[in-house]
Amino acid sequence: HNDYPNPFNPITTLRYDLPENSLVTITIYDMLGRVVSNLVSSQQNAGYKSIQWNATNDRNEPVSSGLYIYTIQAGDYTQTKKMVLLK
């Protein structure tokens, strides 16, 4: 699923479905490819999931407006999407 809302300020929700139990990793990157935040890195049960990102980095500092990329990895599946933070 796409994140909602997009563009967002200050919180967006990332939604995803797991068809089977998987190790899930959700990472947010800036446009230079630097890791901004590791939202999820855990084993999860199958089903519908969602997590919110509050536009902060791993040090809990607010990030600047702009375009961000997030990847969701679950088992062999990987998906990458864009989101826009407007302040």
C-alpha atoms as a PDB file:
ATOM      1  CA  HIS A   1       0.000   0.000   0.000  1.00  0.00           C
ATOM      2  CA  ASN A   2       1.044   3.606  -0.379  1.00  0.00           C
ATOM      3  CA  ASP A   3       1.808   5.725   2.646  1.00  0.00           C
ATOM      4  CA  TYR A   4      -1.015   8.005   3.743  1.00  0.00           C
ATOM      5  CA  PRO A   5      -1.157  10.933   3.706  1.00  0.00           C
ATOM      6  CA  ASN A   6       1.395  11.793   1.053  1.00  0.00           C
ATOM      7  CA  PRO A   7       2.524  14.616   1.047  1.00  0.00           C
ATOM      8  CA  PHE A   8       2.484  14.689   4.833  1.00  0.00           C
ATOM      9  CA  ASN A   9       3.271  16.901   7.819  1.00  0.00           C
ATOM     10  CA  PRO A  10       4.294  15.753  10.377  1.00  0.00           C
ATOM     11  CA  ILE A  11       3.154  12.073  10.395  1.00  0.00           C
ATOM     12  CA  THR A  12       2.517   9.486   7.690  1.00  0.00           C
ATOM     13  CA  THR A  13       1.355   5.894   7.991  1.00  0.00           C
ATOM     14  CA  LEU A  14       3.044   3.059   6.104  1.00  0.00           C
ATOM     15  CA  ARG A  15       0.728   0.095   5.503  1.00  0.00           C
ATOM     16  CA  TYR A  16       1.612  -3.392   4.294  1.00  0.00           C
ATOM     17  CA  ASP A  17       0.249  -6.949   4.098  1.00  0.00           C
ATOM     18  CA  LEU A  18       2.258 -10.030   5.022  1.00  0.00           C
ATOM     19  CA  PRO A  19       1.025 -13.237   3.357  1.00  0.00           C
ATOM     20  CA  GLU A  20       3.183 -15.324   5.705  1.00  0.00           C
ATOM     21  CA  ASN A  21       5.338 -14.901   8.801  1.00  0.00           C
ATOM     22  CA  SER A  22       8.483 -12.996   7.749  1.00  0.00           C
ATOM     23  CA  LEU A  23      11.444 -10.985   8.904  1.00  0.00           C
ATOM     24  CA  VAL A  24      10.359  -7.424   8.075  1.00  0.00           C
ATOM     25  CA  THR A  25      12.657  -4.453   7.577  1.00  0.00           C
ATOM     26  CA  ILE A  26      11.398  -0.939   6.825  1.00  0.00           C
ATOM     27  CA  THR A  27      14.074   1.675   6.186  1.00  0.00           C
ATOM     28  CA  ILE A  28      13.708   5.344   5.211  1.00  0.00           C
ATOM     29  CA  TYR A  29      16.368   7.011   3.059  1.00  0.00           C
ATOM     30  CA  ASP A  30      17.008  10.568   1.937  1.00  0.00           C
ATOM     31  CA  MET A  31      17.561  11.355  -1.751  1.00  0.00           C
ATOM     32  CA  LEU A  32      21.319  10.860  -1.357  1.00  0.00           C
ATOM     33  CA  GLY A  33      20.756   7.268  -0.246  1.00  0.00           C
ATOM     34  CA  ARG A  34      21.653   7.869   3.393  1.00  0.00           C
ATOM     35  CA  VAL A  35      19.652   5.976   6.003  1.00  0.00           C
ATOM     36  CA  VAL A  36      17.369   8.383   7.869  1.00  0.00           C
ATOM     37  CA  SER A  37      15.472   5.920  10.043  1.00  0.00           C
ATOM     38  CA  ASN A  38      15.126   2.177  10.587  1.00  0.00           C
ATOM     39  CA  LEU A  39      11.451   1.874  11.482  1.00  0.00           C
ATOM     40  CA  VAL A  40      11.100  -1.910  11.673  1.00  0.00           C
ATOM     41  CA  SER A  41      13.530  -4.789  11.891  1.00  0.00           C
ATOM     42  CA  SER A  42      11.731  -7.767  13.402  1.00  0.00           C
ATOM     43  CA  GLN A  43      10.028 -11.084  12.809  1.00  0.00           C
ATOM     44  CA  GLN A  44       6.304 -10.492  12.248  1.00  0.00           C
ATOM     45  CA  ASN A  45       3.245 -12.699  11.876  1.00  0.00           C
ATOM     46  CA  ALA A  46       1.191 -12.757   8.685  1.00  0.00           C
ATOM     47  CA  GLY A  47      -1.567 -10.161   8.316  1.00  0.00           C
ATOM     48  CA  TYR A  48      -2.256  -6.483   7.726  1.00  0.00           C
ATOM     49  CA  LYS A  49       0.266  -4.153   9.384  1.00  0.00           C
ATOM     50  CA  SER A  50       0.866  -0.434   9.681  1.00  0.00           C
ATOM     51  CA  ILE A  51       3.455   1.812  11.269  1.00  0.00           C
ATOM     52  CA  GLN A  52       3.703   5.589  11.573  1.00  0.00           C
ATOM     53  CA  TRP A  53       6.736   7.740  10.805  1.00  0.00           C
ATOM     54  CA  ASN A  54       6.880  11.112  12.552  1.00  0.00           C
ATOM     55  CA  ALA A  55       9.523  12.707  10.268  1.00  0.00           C
ATOM     56  CA  THR A  56      12.423  12.144  12.665  1.00  0.00           C
ATOM     57  CA  ASN A  57      15.713  10.338  12.186  1.00  0.00           C
ATOM     58  CA  ASP A  58      17.160   7.520  14.310  1.00  0.00           C
ATOM     59  CA  ARG A  59      18.400  10.126  16.836  1.00  0.00           C
ATOM     60  CA  ASN A  60      14.814  11.441  17.198  1.00  0.00           C
ATOM     61  CA  GLU A  61      15.747  14.721  15.485  1.00  0.00           C
ATOM     62  CA  PRO A  62      13.272  16.263  13.016  1.00  0.00           C
ATOM     63  CA  VAL A  63      14.236  15.917   9.351  1.00  0.00           C
ATOM     64  CA  SER A  64      13.908  18.652   6.733  1.00  0.00           C
ATOM     65  CA  SER A  65      11.198  18.967   4.103  1.00  0.00           C
ATOM     66  CA  GLY A  66      11.781  17.016   0.947  1.00  0.00           C
ATOM     67  CA  LEU A  67      11.482  13.733  -0.873  1.00  0.00           C
ATOM     68  CA  TYR A  68      12.187  10.501   1.003  1.00  0.00           C
ATOM     69  CA  ILE A  69      12.340   6.880  -0.118  1.00  0.00           C
ATOM     70  CA  TYR A  70      11.243   3.928   1.965  1.00  0.00           C
ATOM     71  CA  THR A  71      11.842   0.235   1.391  1.00  0.00           C
ATOM     72  CA  ILE A  72       9.853  -2.628   2.822  1.00  0.00           C
ATOM     73  CA  GLN A  73      11.604  -5.996   2.844  1.00  0.00           C
ATOM     74  CA  ALA A  74       9.795  -9.164   3.890  1.00  0.00           C
ATOM     75  CA  GLY A  75      11.497 -12.445   3.074  1.00  0.00           C
ATOM     76  CA  ASP A  76      12.365 -12.363  -0.647  1.00  0.00           C
ATOM     77  CA  TYR A  77       9.972  -9.452  -1.313  1.00  0.00           C
ATOM     78  CA  THR A  78      11.245  -5.870  -1.579  1.00  0.00           C
ATOM     79  CA  GLN A  79       9.282  -2.744  -2.460  1.00  0.00           C
ATOM     80  CA  THR A  80      10.484   0.852  -2.694  1.00  0.00           C
ATOM     81  CA  LYS A  81       8.230   3.924  -2.673  1.00  0.00           C
ATOM     82  CA  LYS A  82       8.526   7.717  -2.445  1.00  0.00           C
ATOM     83  CA  MET A  83       6.984  10.098   0.056  1.00  0.00           C
ATOM     84  CA  VAL A  84       7.060  13.874   0.400  1.00  0.00           C
ATOM     85  CA  LEU A  85       7.432  15.808   3.660  1.00  0.00           C
ATOM     86  CA  LEU A  86       6.048  19.351   3.412  1.00  0.00           C
ATOM     87  CA  LYS A  87       6.505  21.679   6.371  1.00  0.00           C
END
